[in-house]
Amino acid sequence: MIENKRIQEILRILKATYPDVKTALRHESPLQLLIATILSAQCTDDRVNDVTKKLFKQLKTAQDFVEIPLAKLEALIRPTGFFKNKAKSVKGSCRAIVENHGGKVPATLEELVKLPGVGRKTANVVLGSAFGVPGIVVDTHVNRVSRRLGLTGNTDPIKIETDLMKIVSRKSWSEFSLQLVFHGRKTCKARKPECALCPLNKMCPYPTQ
């Protein structure tokens, strides 16, 4: 199959398999999504949702996160792991949001990545799910699945992001990222991918590439 046709067929199957995708991180505002995404690093979405359910009842604004003592915030988010670094990132981001953006989460990639602890992955999650601004989110699932499918030969997240942006229309960037995430969790697992059950099996060079 000609490469472009193969890619288009992959996109079609992903769309048909995962037609209505959205982030699993529960949130009611851009601020909540930003914080939840920071907490999700090396942690399951389910655990983050358990933590933020209680967290967001106590802390509702960026100013609230600035004012809470660091030790108390660490205790509240401890179950997500790496809680000391995450607490510093959350407080640092919220302080910058209060001081530089009037307490509201900025809605551009350039401004988001200037927040402490916020990289392109977190920024694109917030842009796509909170503001409807398309972006390719390269997490561990997107990294793994896109390379197995031969959609990129790179391992650096920024280079993978650039490669994927070239093969998917801009309006579909966020949706496509989530489809790869869902596929990585359900079928194309890290240790034991379920290739025999995969709808992309005939178009995937893994594990022979």
N, C-alpha and C. Protein backbone atom coordinates (compact mmCIF):
# COMPACT_ATOMS: atom_id res chain seq x y z
N MET A 1 0.84 -1.19 0.00
CA MET A 1 0.00 0.00 0.00
C MET A 1 0.88 1.24 0.00
N ILE A 2 0.58 2.19 -0.90
CA ILE A 2 1.35 3.43 -0.96
C ILE A 2 1.29 4.11 0.40
N GLU A 3 2.43 4.68 0.84
CA GLU A 3 2.55 5.21 2.19
C GLU A 3 1.43 6.17 2.55
N ASN A 4 1.11 7.13 1.67
CA ASN A 4 0.08 8.11 2.00
C ASN A 4 -1.28 7.43 2.18
N LYS A 5 -1.56 6.45 1.34
CA LYS A 5 -2.83 5.73 1.47
C LYS A 5 -2.85 4.93 2.76
N ARG A 6 -1.70 4.38 3.14
CA ARG A 6 -1.62 3.61 4.40
C ARG A 6 -1.91 4.53 5.58
N ILE A 7 -1.32 5.70 5.57
CA ILE A 7 -1.52 6.65 6.66
C ILE A 7 -2.99 7.07 6.73
N GLN A 8 -3.59 7.35 5.59
CA GLN A 8 -4.99 7.75 5.59
C GLN A 8 -5.89 6.63 6.09
N GLU A 9 -5.54 5.39 5.78
CA GLU A 9 -6.33 4.26 6.26
C GLU A 9 -6.16 4.10 7.77
N ILE A 10 -4.96 4.33 8.27
CA ILE A 10 -4.72 4.28 9.71
C ILE A 10 -5.59 5.33 10.41
N LEU A 11 -5.61 6.54 9.87
CA LEU A 11 -6.41 7.62 10.46
C LEU A 11 -7.89 7.27 10.42
N ARG A 12 -8.33 6.67 9.32
CA ARG A 12 -9.75 6.31 9.19
C ARG A 12 -10.14 5.26 10.23
N ILE A 13 -9.30 4.25 10.40
CA ILE A 13 -9.60 3.17 11.35
C ILE A 13 -9.58 3.69 12.79
N LEU A 14 -8.61 4.53 13.10
CA LEU A 14 -8.56 5.10 14.46
C LEU A 14 -9.83 5.91 14.74
N LYS A 15 -10.26 6.67 13.76
CA LYS A 15 -11.47 7.49 13.92
C LYS A 15 -12.69 6.60 14.12
N ALA A 16 -12.76 5.51 13.37
CA ALA A 16 -13.90 4.60 13.49
C ALA A 16 -13.88 3.83 14.80
N THR A 17 -12.67 3.50 15.27
CA THR A 17 -12.53 2.72 16.50
C THR A 17 -12.73 3.56 17.74
N TYR A 18 -12.26 4.81 17.68
CA TYR A 18 -12.37 5.72 18.83
C TYR A 18 -13.02 7.02 18.35
N PRO A 19 -14.34 6.99 18.12
CA PRO A 19 -15.02 8.13 17.48
C PRO A 19 -15.25 9.34 18.39
N ASP A 20 -15.32 9.12 19.67
CA ASP A 20 -15.66 10.22 20.58
C ASP A 20 -14.69 10.24 21.75
N VAL A 21 -13.49 10.74 21.51
CA VAL A 21 -12.45 10.71 22.54
C VAL A 21 -12.35 12.05 23.27
N LYS A 22 -12.05 11.98 24.53
CA LYS A 22 -11.78 13.17 25.33
C LYS A 22 -10.88 12.78 26.49
N THR A 23 -10.19 13.74 27.06
CA THR A 23 -9.28 13.44 28.14
C THR A 23 -9.99 12.78 29.30
N ALA A 24 -9.33 11.82 29.92
CA ALA A 24 -9.92 11.11 31.06
C ALA A 24 -9.74 11.89 32.36
N LEU A 25 -8.98 12.96 32.32
CA LEU A 25 -8.77 13.78 33.52
C LEU A 25 -10.00 14.66 33.75
N ARG A 26 -10.65 14.45 34.87
CA ARG A 26 -11.87 15.22 35.16
C ARG A 26 -11.53 16.65 35.54
N HIS A 27 -12.25 17.57 34.96
CA HIS A 27 -12.00 18.99 35.23
C HIS A 27 -13.22 19.81 34.86
N GLU A 28 -13.30 20.98 35.48
CA GLU A 28 -14.40 21.90 35.19
C GLU A 28 -13.90 23.26 34.74
N SER A 29 -12.59 23.40 34.61
CA SER A 29 -12.01 24.68 34.18
C SER A 29 -10.61 24.43 33.64
N PRO A 30 -10.08 25.40 32.88
CA PRO A 30 -8.70 25.27 32.39
C PRO A 30 -7.70 25.10 33.54
N LEU A 31 -7.92 25.80 34.65
CA LEU A 31 -7.01 25.70 35.79
C LEU A 31 -7.01 24.28 36.35
N GLN A 32 -8.17 23.70 36.51
CA GLN A 32 -8.25 22.33 37.03
C GLN A 32 -7.57 21.36 36.09
N LEU A 33 -7.74 21.53 34.79
CA LEU A 33 -7.10 20.63 33.83
C LEU A 33 -5.58 20.80 33.86
N LEU A 34 -5.12 22.03 33.97
CA LEU A 34 -3.68 22.28 34.04
C LEU A 34 -3.08 21.56 35.25
N ILE A 35 -3.70 21.71 36.40
CA ILE A 35 -3.20 21.09 37.61
C ILE A 35 -3.28 19.57 37.52
N ALA A 36 -4.39 19.05 37.02
CA ALA A 36 -4.56 17.60 36.88
C ALA A 36 -3.51 17.02 35.94
N THR A 37 -3.18 17.74 34.87
CA THR A 37 -2.20 17.26 33.92
C THR A 37 -0.80 17.25 34.53
N ILE A 38 -0.48 18.25 35.31
CA ILE A 38 0.80 18.26 36.02
C ILE A 38 0.88 17.05 36.96
N LEU A 39 -0.21 16.76 37.65
CA LEU A 39 -0.23 15.64 38.59
C LEU A 39 -0.21 14.29 37.89
N SER A 40 -0.58 14.26 36.62
CA SER A 40 -0.70 12.98 35.90
C SER A 40 0.64 12.40 35.47
N ALA A 41 1.71 13.16 35.59
CA ALA A 41 3.03 12.65 35.19
C ALA A 41 3.37 11.39 35.99
N GLN A 42 3.63 10.30 35.29
CA GLN A 42 3.98 9.02 35.90
C GLN A 42 2.94 8.59 36.94
N CYS A 43 1.68 8.84 36.61
CA CYS A 43 0.58 8.45 37.50
C CYS A 43 -0.63 8.16 36.63
N THR A 44 -1.49 7.25 37.07
CA THR A 44 -2.68 6.91 36.29
C THR A 44 -3.72 8.02 36.40
N ASP A 45 -4.53 8.15 35.36
CA ASP A 45 -5.59 9.15 35.38
C ASP A 45 -6.60 8.87 36.49
N ASP A 46 -6.88 7.61 36.73
CA ASP A 46 -7.84 7.27 37.79
C ASP A 46 -7.37 7.77 39.15
N ARG A 47 -6.09 7.59 39.43
CA ARG A 47 -5.57 8.05 40.72
C ARG A 47 -5.59 9.57 40.81
N VAL A 48 -5.23 10.22 39.70
CA VAL A 48 -5.29 11.68 39.68
C VAL A 48 -6.71 12.15 39.94
N ASN A 49 -7.68 11.52 39.30
CA ASN A 49 -9.07 11.92 39.49
C ASN A 49 -9.53 11.73 40.93
N ASP A 50 -9.05 10.68 41.57
CA ASP A 50 -9.37 10.48 42.99
C ASP A 50 -8.81 11.62 43.84
N VAL A 51 -7.58 12.02 43.53
CA VAL A 51 -6.93 13.09 44.29
C VAL A 51 -7.59 14.45 44.03
N THR A 52 -7.84 14.75 42.76
CA THR A 52 -8.38 16.08 42.43
C THR A 52 -9.83 16.24 42.85
N LYS A 53 -10.55 15.15 43.01
CA LYS A 53 -11.93 15.25 43.48
C LYS A 53 -11.98 15.94 44.84
N LYS A 54 -11.04 15.62 45.69
CA LYS A 54 -10.95 16.24 47.03
C LYS A 54 -10.21 17.57 46.94
N LEU A 55 -9.16 17.59 46.13
CA LEU A 55 -8.32 18.78 46.03
C LEU A 55 -9.10 20.00 45.55
N PHE A 56 -9.91 19.81 44.51
CA PHE A 56 -10.61 20.94 43.92
C PHE A 56 -11.81 21.41 44.75
N LYS A 57 -12.21 20.62 45.72
CA LYS A 57 -13.24 21.08 46.64
C LYS A 57 -12.66 22.08 47.64
N GLN A 58 -11.37 21.92 47.93
CA GLN A 58 -10.71 22.79 48.89
C GLN A 58 -10.08 24.02 48.24
N LEU A 59 -9.53 23.82 47.06
CA LEU A 59 -8.80 24.88 46.37
C LEU A 59 -9.46 25.16 45.02
N LYS A 60 -9.96 26.37 44.84
CA LYS A 60 -10.77 26.65 43.65
C LYS A 60 -10.15 27.65 42.68
N THR A 61 -9.23 28.47 43.16
CA THR A 61 -8.62 29.48 42.29
C THR A 61 -7.10 29.36 42.31
N ALA A 62 -6.46 30.01 41.35
CA ALA A 62 -5.00 30.01 41.33
C ALA A 62 -4.45 30.63 42.61
N GLN A 63 -5.13 31.65 43.11
CA GLN A 63 -4.70 32.31 44.35
C GLN A 63 -4.75 31.33 45.52
N ASP A 64 -5.75 30.45 45.53
CA ASP A 64 -5.85 29.45 46.60
C ASP A 64 -4.61 28.56 46.61
N PHE A 65 -4.14 28.18 45.43
CA PHE A 65 -2.96 27.31 45.34
C PHE A 65 -1.68 28.07 45.71
N VAL A 66 -1.68 29.37 45.48
CA VAL A 66 -0.53 30.18 45.89
C VAL A 66 -0.45 30.27 47.41
N GLU A 67 -1.61 30.42 48.04
CA GLU A 67 -1.66 30.67 49.48
C GLU A 67 -1.51 29.43 50.34
N ILE A 68 -1.87 28.26 49.83
CA ILE A 68 -1.80 27.06 50.64
C ILE A 68 -0.34 26.74 50.98
N PRO A 69 -0.05 26.38 52.21
CA PRO A 69 1.33 26.01 52.56
C PRO A 69 1.82 24.83 51.72
N LEU A 70 3.07 24.88 51.33
CA LEU A 70 3.63 23.85 50.47
C LEU A 70 3.47 22.46 51.07
N ALA A 71 3.73 22.32 52.35
CA ALA A 71 3.64 21.02 53.01
C ALA A 71 2.21 20.47 52.95
N LYS A 72 1.22 21.34 53.08
CA LYS A 72 -0.17 20.89 53.03
C LYS A 72 -0.55 20.44 51.62
N LEU A 73 -0.07 21.18 50.62
CA LEU A 73 -0.35 20.79 49.23
C LEU A 73 0.32 19.46 48.93
N GLU A 74 1.55 19.29 49.40
CA GLU A 74 2.26 18.03 49.19
C GLU A 74 1.45 16.86 49.77
N ALA A 75 0.89 17.05 50.95
CA ALA A 75 0.12 15.99 51.59
C ALA A 75 -1.13 15.66 50.79
N LEU A 76 -1.76 16.68 50.21
CA LEU A 76 -2.99 16.48 49.45
C LEU A 76 -2.75 15.71 48.15
N ILE A 77 -1.58 15.93 47.54
CA ILE A 77 -1.33 15.29 46.23
C ILE A 77 -0.37 14.10 46.34
N ARG A 78 0.00 13.75 47.54
CA ARG A 78 0.99 12.69 47.76
C ARG A 78 0.69 11.39 46.99
N PRO A 79 -0.57 10.93 46.91
CA PRO A 79 -0.85 9.67 46.22
C PRO A 79 -0.47 9.66 44.74
N THR A 80 -0.26 10.82 44.14
CA THR A 80 0.09 10.85 42.71
C THR A 80 1.57 10.59 42.47
N GLY A 81 2.37 10.53 43.55
CA GLY A 81 3.79 10.29 43.40
C GLY A 81 4.56 11.55 43.03
N PHE A 82 5.87 11.55 43.30
CA PHE A 82 6.72 12.71 43.00
C PHE A 82 6.06 14.01 43.47
N PHE A 83 5.41 13.90 44.63
CA PHE A 83 4.55 14.99 45.12
C PHE A 83 5.30 16.27 45.46
N LYS A 84 6.56 16.16 45.84
CA LYS A 84 7.32 17.37 46.17
C LYS A 84 7.56 18.22 44.92
N ASN A 85 8.03 17.60 43.86
CA ASN A 85 8.24 18.34 42.62
C ASN A 85 6.93 18.84 42.02
N LYS A 86 5.90 18.00 42.08
CA LYS A 86 4.61 18.39 41.51
C LYS A 86 4.01 19.56 42.29
N ALA A 87 4.15 19.55 43.60
CA ALA A 87 3.62 20.65 44.41
C ALA A 87 4.32 21.96 44.06
N LYS A 88 5.63 21.91 43.85
CA LYS A 88 6.37 23.11 43.47
C LYS A 88 5.93 23.61 42.10
N SER A 89 5.69 22.68 41.18
CA SER A 89 5.25 23.07 39.84
C SER A 89 3.86 23.69 39.88
N VAL A 90 2.96 23.09 40.65
CA VAL A 90 1.59 23.61 40.76
C VAL A 90 1.61 25.01 41.37
N LYS A 91 2.33 25.18 42.47
CA LYS A 91 2.37 26.49 43.12
C LYS A 91 3.07 27.52 42.22
N GLY A 92 4.15 27.10 41.56
CA GLY A 92 4.86 28.02 40.68
C GLY A 92 4.01 28.47 39.51
N SER A 93 3.30 27.53 38.91
CA SER A 93 2.42 27.85 37.79
C SER A 93 1.30 28.79 38.22
N CYS A 94 0.70 28.48 39.36
CA CYS A 94 -0.41 29.30 39.84
C CYS A 94 0.06 30.69 40.22
N ARG A 95 1.26 30.80 40.77
CA ARG A 95 1.81 32.12 41.10
C ARG A 95 2.01 32.94 39.83
N ALA A 96 2.53 32.31 38.80
CA ALA A 96 2.73 33.00 37.53
C ALA A 96 1.40 33.39 36.90
N ILE A 97 0.40 32.53 37.04
CA ILE A 97 -0.93 32.82 36.49
C ILE A 97 -1.54 34.03 37.20
N VAL A 98 -1.38 34.10 38.51
CA VAL A 98 -1.90 35.23 39.28
C VAL A 98 -1.15 36.51 38.94
N GLU A 99 0.17 36.43 38.91
CA GLU A 99 1.00 37.63 38.74
C GLU A 99 1.03 38.14 37.30
N ASN A 100 0.96 37.21 36.34
CA ASN A 100 1.14 37.62 34.94
C ASN A 100 -0.10 37.52 34.07
N HIS A 101 -1.13 36.81 34.55
CA HIS A 101 -2.30 36.58 33.69
C HIS A 101 -3.63 36.85 34.39
N GLY A 102 -3.58 37.63 35.44
CA GLY A 102 -4.83 38.02 36.11
C GLY A 102 -5.59 36.85 36.72
N GLY A 103 -4.88 35.78 37.04
CA GLY A 103 -5.54 34.64 37.68
C GLY A 103 -6.17 33.66 36.72
N LYS A 104 -6.03 33.91 35.43
CA LYS A 104 -6.62 33.02 34.43
C LYS A 104 -5.53 32.30 33.63
N VAL A 105 -5.76 31.04 33.34
CA VAL A 105 -4.80 30.24 32.58
C VAL A 105 -4.67 30.81 31.16
N PRO A 106 -3.45 31.10 30.71
CA PRO A 106 -3.28 31.62 29.35
C PRO A 106 -3.68 30.58 28.31
N ALA A 107 -4.06 31.07 27.14
CA ALA A 107 -4.60 30.18 26.12
C ALA A 107 -3.72 30.05 24.89
N THR A 108 -2.41 30.27 25.05
CA THR A 108 -1.49 30.07 23.93
C THR A 108 -0.35 29.16 24.37
N LEU A 109 0.20 28.45 23.43
CA LEU A 109 1.32 27.55 23.72
C LEU A 109 2.51 28.33 24.25
N GLU A 110 2.78 29.47 23.64
CA GLU A 110 3.94 30.28 24.02
C GLU A 110 3.86 30.71 25.48
N GLU A 111 2.67 31.08 25.93
CA GLU A 111 2.52 31.54 27.32
C GLU A 111 2.47 30.36 28.29
N LEU A 112 1.85 29.29 27.89
CA LEU A 112 1.72 28.13 28.77
C LEU A 112 3.07 27.51 29.10
N VAL A 113 3.94 27.37 28.11
CA VAL A 113 5.22 26.71 28.36
C VAL A 113 6.17 27.56 29.20
N LYS A 114 5.81 28.82 29.43
CA LYS A 114 6.60 29.67 30.32
C LYS A 114 6.25 29.43 31.78
N LEU A 115 5.13 28.75 32.05
CA LEU A 115 4.73 28.46 33.42
C LEU A 115 5.64 27.39 34.00
N PRO A 116 6.05 27.52 35.26
CA PRO A 116 6.91 26.51 35.89
C PRO A 116 6.30 25.11 35.84
N GLY A 117 7.10 24.15 35.38
CA GLY A 117 6.64 22.77 35.35
C GLY A 117 5.74 22.41 34.18
N VAL A 118 5.56 23.34 33.25
CA VAL A 118 4.68 23.09 32.10
C VAL A 118 5.50 22.99 30.82
N GLY A 119 5.47 21.81 30.20
CA GLY A 119 6.13 21.61 28.92
C GLY A 119 5.12 21.57 27.80
N ARG A 120 5.57 21.22 26.61
CA ARG A 120 4.68 21.21 25.45
C ARG A 120 3.55 20.19 25.60
N LYS A 121 3.85 19.04 26.21
CA LYS A 121 2.83 18.02 26.38
C LYS A 121 1.67 18.55 27.22
N THR A 122 1.99 19.08 28.39
CA THR A 122 0.96 19.62 29.28
C THR A 122 0.22 20.79 28.61
N ALA A 123 0.99 21.66 27.96
CA ALA A 123 0.38 22.82 27.30
C ALA A 123 -0.61 22.38 26.22
N ASN A 124 -0.25 21.38 25.43
CA ASN A 124 -1.13 20.93 24.36
C ASN A 124 -2.38 20.22 24.89
N VAL A 125 -2.24 19.54 26.03
CA VAL A 125 -3.42 18.94 26.66
C VAL A 125 -4.41 20.04 27.04
N VAL A 126 -3.91 21.07 27.69
CA VAL A 126 -4.77 22.17 28.14
C VAL A 126 -5.37 22.91 26.95
N LEU A 127 -4.56 23.18 25.95
CA LEU A 127 -5.06 23.90 24.77
C LEU A 127 -6.17 23.12 24.07
N GLY A 128 -5.93 21.82 23.88
CA GLY A 128 -6.91 21.02 23.15
C GLY A 128 -8.20 20.78 23.90
N SER A 129 -8.09 20.42 25.19
CA SER A 129 -9.28 20.02 25.94
C SER A 129 -9.99 21.17 26.64
N ALA A 130 -9.26 22.24 26.97
CA ALA A 130 -9.87 23.35 27.69
C ALA A 130 -10.22 24.53 26.78
N PHE A 131 -9.43 24.71 25.71
CA PHE A 131 -9.64 25.88 24.85
C PHE A 131 -10.00 25.53 23.42
N GLY A 132 -10.00 24.26 23.07
CA GLY A 132 -10.34 23.88 21.70
C GLY A 132 -9.29 24.27 20.68
N VAL A 133 -8.05 24.46 21.15
CA VAL A 133 -6.95 24.80 20.24
C VAL A 133 -6.20 23.51 19.90
N PRO A 134 -6.17 23.10 18.64
CA PRO A 134 -5.55 21.83 18.28
C PRO A 134 -4.07 21.75 18.64
N GLY A 135 -3.66 20.56 19.09
CA GLY A 135 -2.25 20.34 19.41
C GLY A 135 -1.96 18.86 19.49
N ILE A 136 -0.77 18.45 19.12
CA ILE A 136 -0.35 17.07 19.23
C ILE A 136 0.26 16.86 20.61
N VAL A 137 -0.30 15.94 21.36
CA VAL A 137 0.20 15.64 22.70
C VAL A 137 1.02 14.36 22.62
N VAL A 138 2.31 14.45 22.89
CA VAL A 138 3.18 13.28 22.82
C VAL A 138 3.47 12.77 24.22
N ASP A 139 2.66 11.80 24.67
CA ASP A 139 2.93 11.13 25.94
C ASP A 139 3.56 9.78 25.63
N THR A 140 3.68 8.93 26.64
CA THR A 140 4.34 7.64 26.41
C THR A 140 3.57 6.77 25.41
N HIS A 141 2.24 6.86 25.43
CA HIS A 141 1.42 6.06 24.51
C HIS A 141 1.59 6.55 23.07
N VAL A 142 1.48 7.85 22.87
CA VAL A 142 1.64 8.42 21.53
C VAL A 142 3.04 8.14 20.99
N ASN A 143 4.02 8.27 21.84
CA ASN A 143 5.40 7.97 21.46
C ASN A 143 5.52 6.53 20.96
N ARG A 144 5.04 5.60 21.76
CA ARG A 144 5.17 4.17 21.44
C ARG A 144 4.35 3.77 20.21
N VAL A 145 3.09 4.14 20.18
CA VAL A 145 2.20 3.71 19.10
C VAL A 145 2.61 4.32 17.76
N SER A 146 2.94 5.59 17.76
CA SER A 146 3.31 6.24 16.49
C SER A 146 4.58 5.64 15.91
N ARG A 147 5.53 5.25 16.78
CA ARG A 147 6.76 4.64 16.28
C ARG A 147 6.51 3.21 15.80
N ARG A 148 5.67 2.47 16.51
CA ARG A 148 5.36 1.11 16.06
C ARG A 148 4.63 1.12 14.72
N LEU A 149 3.80 2.11 14.52
CA LEU A 149 3.05 2.21 13.26
C LEU A 149 3.92 2.74 12.12
N GLY A 150 5.12 3.20 12.46
CA GLY A 150 6.00 3.75 11.44
C GLY A 150 5.63 5.16 11.02
N LEU A 151 4.89 5.87 11.87
CA LEU A 151 4.50 7.24 11.55
C LEU A 151 5.63 8.22 11.87
N THR A 152 6.61 7.76 12.62
CA THR A 152 7.80 8.55 12.93
C THR A 152 8.95 7.60 13.22
N GLY A 153 10.15 8.07 12.96
CA GLY A 153 11.32 7.27 13.29
C GLY A 153 12.10 7.90 14.43
N ASN A 154 11.51 8.95 15.00
CA ASN A 154 12.19 9.69 16.06
C ASN A 154 11.79 9.20 17.45
N THR A 155 12.61 9.50 18.42
CA THR A 155 12.30 9.18 19.81
C THR A 155 12.13 10.45 20.65
N ASP A 156 12.63 11.57 20.15
CA ASP A 156 12.48 12.84 20.86
C ASP A 156 11.03 13.34 20.71
N PRO A 157 10.36 13.65 21.82
CA PRO A 157 8.95 14.05 21.77
C PRO A 157 8.66 15.23 20.85
N ILE A 158 9.53 16.22 20.83
CA ILE A 158 9.29 17.38 19.96
C ILE A 158 9.38 17.00 18.49
N LYS A 159 10.34 16.13 18.16
CA LYS A 159 10.47 15.68 16.77
C LYS A 159 9.29 14.79 16.37
N ILE A 160 8.82 13.96 17.32
CA ILE A 160 7.63 13.14 17.05
C ILE A 160 6.43 14.04 16.81
N GLU A 161 6.29 15.06 17.64
CA GLU A 161 5.19 16.02 17.50
C GLU A 161 5.21 16.64 16.11
N THR A 162 6.39 17.05 15.68
CA THR A 162 6.53 17.68 14.36
C THR A 162 6.18 16.70 13.24
N ASP A 163 6.64 15.46 13.35
CA ASP A 163 6.34 14.45 12.33
C ASP A 163 4.83 14.20 12.22
N LEU A 164 4.16 14.09 13.35
CA LEU A 164 2.73 13.79 13.34
C LEU A 164 1.92 14.98 12.84
N MET A 165 2.39 16.18 13.11
CA MET A 165 1.69 17.37 12.62
C MET A 165 1.65 17.41 11.10
N LYS A 166 2.64 16.77 10.46
CA LYS A 166 2.73 16.79 9.00
C LYS A 166 1.75 15.84 8.33
N ILE A 167 1.30 14.81 9.06
CA ILE A 167 0.46 13.79 8.41
C ILE A 167 -1.01 13.88 8.80
N VAL A 168 -1.33 14.77 9.75
CA VAL A 168 -2.71 14.92 10.19
C VAL A 168 -3.12 16.38 10.04
N SER A 169 -4.33 16.63 9.57
CA SER A 169 -4.78 18.01 9.43
C SER A 169 -4.84 18.68 10.80
N ARG A 170 -4.56 19.96 10.82
CA ARG A 170 -4.44 20.70 12.08
C ARG A 170 -5.69 20.55 12.96
N LYS A 171 -6.85 20.59 12.36
CA LYS A 171 -8.09 20.53 13.15
C LYS A 171 -8.24 19.20 13.89
N SER A 172 -7.50 18.17 13.44
CA SER A 172 -7.62 16.84 14.05
C SER A 172 -6.47 16.50 15.01
N TRP A 173 -5.57 17.42 15.24
CA TRP A 173 -4.39 17.12 16.04
C TRP A 173 -4.73 16.58 17.44
N SER A 174 -5.60 17.28 18.15
CA SER A 174 -5.94 16.87 19.52
C SER A 174 -6.67 15.54 19.53
N GLU A 175 -7.62 15.39 18.62
CA GLU A 175 -8.40 14.15 18.53
C GLU A 175 -7.49 12.97 18.19
N PHE A 176 -6.59 13.17 17.24
CA PHE A 176 -5.67 12.12 16.82
C PHE A 176 -4.78 11.69 17.99
N SER A 177 -4.28 12.64 18.75
CA SER A 177 -3.44 12.32 19.90
C SER A 177 -4.19 11.43 20.88
N LEU A 178 -5.43 11.79 21.17
CA LEU A 178 -6.23 11.01 22.11
C LEU A 178 -6.53 9.62 21.57
N GLN A 179 -6.74 9.52 20.27
CA GLN A 179 -6.98 8.20 19.66
C GLN A 179 -5.77 7.30 19.84
N LEU A 180 -4.58 7.84 19.69
CA LEU A 180 -3.37 7.06 19.90
C LEU A 180 -3.22 6.67 21.37
N VAL A 181 -3.59 7.58 22.27
CA VAL A 181 -3.54 7.28 23.70
C VAL A 181 -4.48 6.14 24.04
N PHE A 182 -5.71 6.23 23.56
CA PHE A 182 -6.70 5.18 23.83
C PHE A 182 -6.25 3.85 23.24
N HIS A 183 -5.68 3.90 22.04
CA HIS A 183 -5.22 2.67 21.39
C HIS A 183 -4.05 2.06 22.16
N GLY A 184 -3.17 2.93 22.66
CA GLY A 184 -2.03 2.45 23.43
C GLY A 184 -2.44 1.80 24.74
N ARG A 185 -3.48 2.33 25.36
CA ARG A 185 -3.96 1.77 26.62
C ARG A 185 -4.74 0.47 26.41
N LYS A 186 -5.53 0.43 25.36
CA LYS A 186 -6.42 -0.71 25.15
C LYS A 186 -5.75 -1.88 24.44
N THR A 187 -4.98 -1.59 23.41
CA THR A 187 -4.48 -2.65 22.53
C THR A 187 -2.96 -2.66 22.36
N CYS A 188 -2.39 -1.52 21.98
CA CYS A 188 -0.97 -1.46 21.69
C CYS A 188 -0.18 -1.17 22.97
N LYS A 189 -0.26 -2.12 23.88
CA LYS A 189 0.35 -1.95 25.20
C LYS A 189 1.86 -2.08 25.13
N ALA A 190 2.52 -1.53 26.13
CA ALA A 190 3.98 -1.48 26.10
C ALA A 190 4.62 -2.86 26.13
N ARG A 191 4.21 -3.70 27.07
CA ARG A 191 4.87 -4.99 27.25
C ARG A 191 4.24 -6.11 26.42
N LYS A 192 2.94 -6.14 26.37
CA LYS A 192 2.27 -7.22 25.64
C LYS A 192 1.19 -6.66 24.72
N PRO A 193 1.60 -6.08 23.59
CA PRO A 193 0.60 -5.55 22.65
C PRO A 193 -0.27 -6.67 22.10
N GLU A 194 -1.55 -6.40 21.99
CA GLU A 194 -2.50 -7.41 21.51
C GLU A 194 -2.65 -7.28 20.00
N CYS A 195 -1.57 -7.64 19.30
CA CYS A 195 -1.51 -7.46 17.85
C CYS A 195 -2.60 -8.23 17.11
N ALA A 196 -2.92 -9.43 17.60
CA ALA A 196 -3.91 -10.26 16.92
C ALA A 196 -5.30 -9.62 16.94
N LEU A 197 -5.55 -8.77 17.92
CA LEU A 197 -6.86 -8.13 18.06
C LEU A 197 -6.86 -6.70 17.51
N CYS A 198 -5.72 -6.23 17.04
CA CYS A 198 -5.57 -4.83 16.65
C CYS A 198 -6.21 -4.56 15.29
N PRO A 199 -7.07 -3.55 15.19
CA PRO A 199 -7.69 -3.21 13.91
C PRO A 199 -6.69 -2.65 12.90
N LEU A 200 -5.51 -2.29 13.38
CA LEU A 200 -4.48 -1.74 12.49
C LEU A 200 -3.43 -2.78 12.11
N ASN A 201 -3.69 -4.03 12.47
CA ASN A 201 -2.71 -5.11 12.33
C ASN A 201 -2.11 -5.20 10.92
N LYS A 202 -2.93 -5.13 9.89
CA LYS A 202 -2.46 -5.33 8.52
C LYS A 202 -1.61 -4.18 8.01
N MET A 203 -1.70 -3.03 8.67
CA MET A 203 -0.95 -1.86 8.21
C MET A 203 0.23 -1.52 9.12
N CYS A 204 0.46 -2.35 10.11
CA CYS A 204 1.48 -2.05 11.10
C CYS A 204 2.73 -2.93 10.91
N PRO A 205 3.89 -2.32 10.78
CA PRO A 205 5.12 -3.09 10.58
C PRO A 205 5.65 -3.73 11.87
N TYR A 206 5.14 -3.34 13.01
CA TYR A 206 5.60 -3.90 14.27
C TYR A 206 5.14 -5.35 14.38
N PRO A 207 5.94 -6.29 14.89
CA PRO A 207 7.26 -6.08 15.49
C PRO A 207 8.41 -6.38 14.52
N THR A 208 8.13 -6.37 13.24
CA THR A 208 9.17 -6.78 12.27
C THR A 208 10.04 -5.63 11.79
N GLN A 209 9.65 -4.35 12.10
CA GLN A 209 10.43 -3.25 11.58
C GLN A 209 11.75 -3.10 12.32
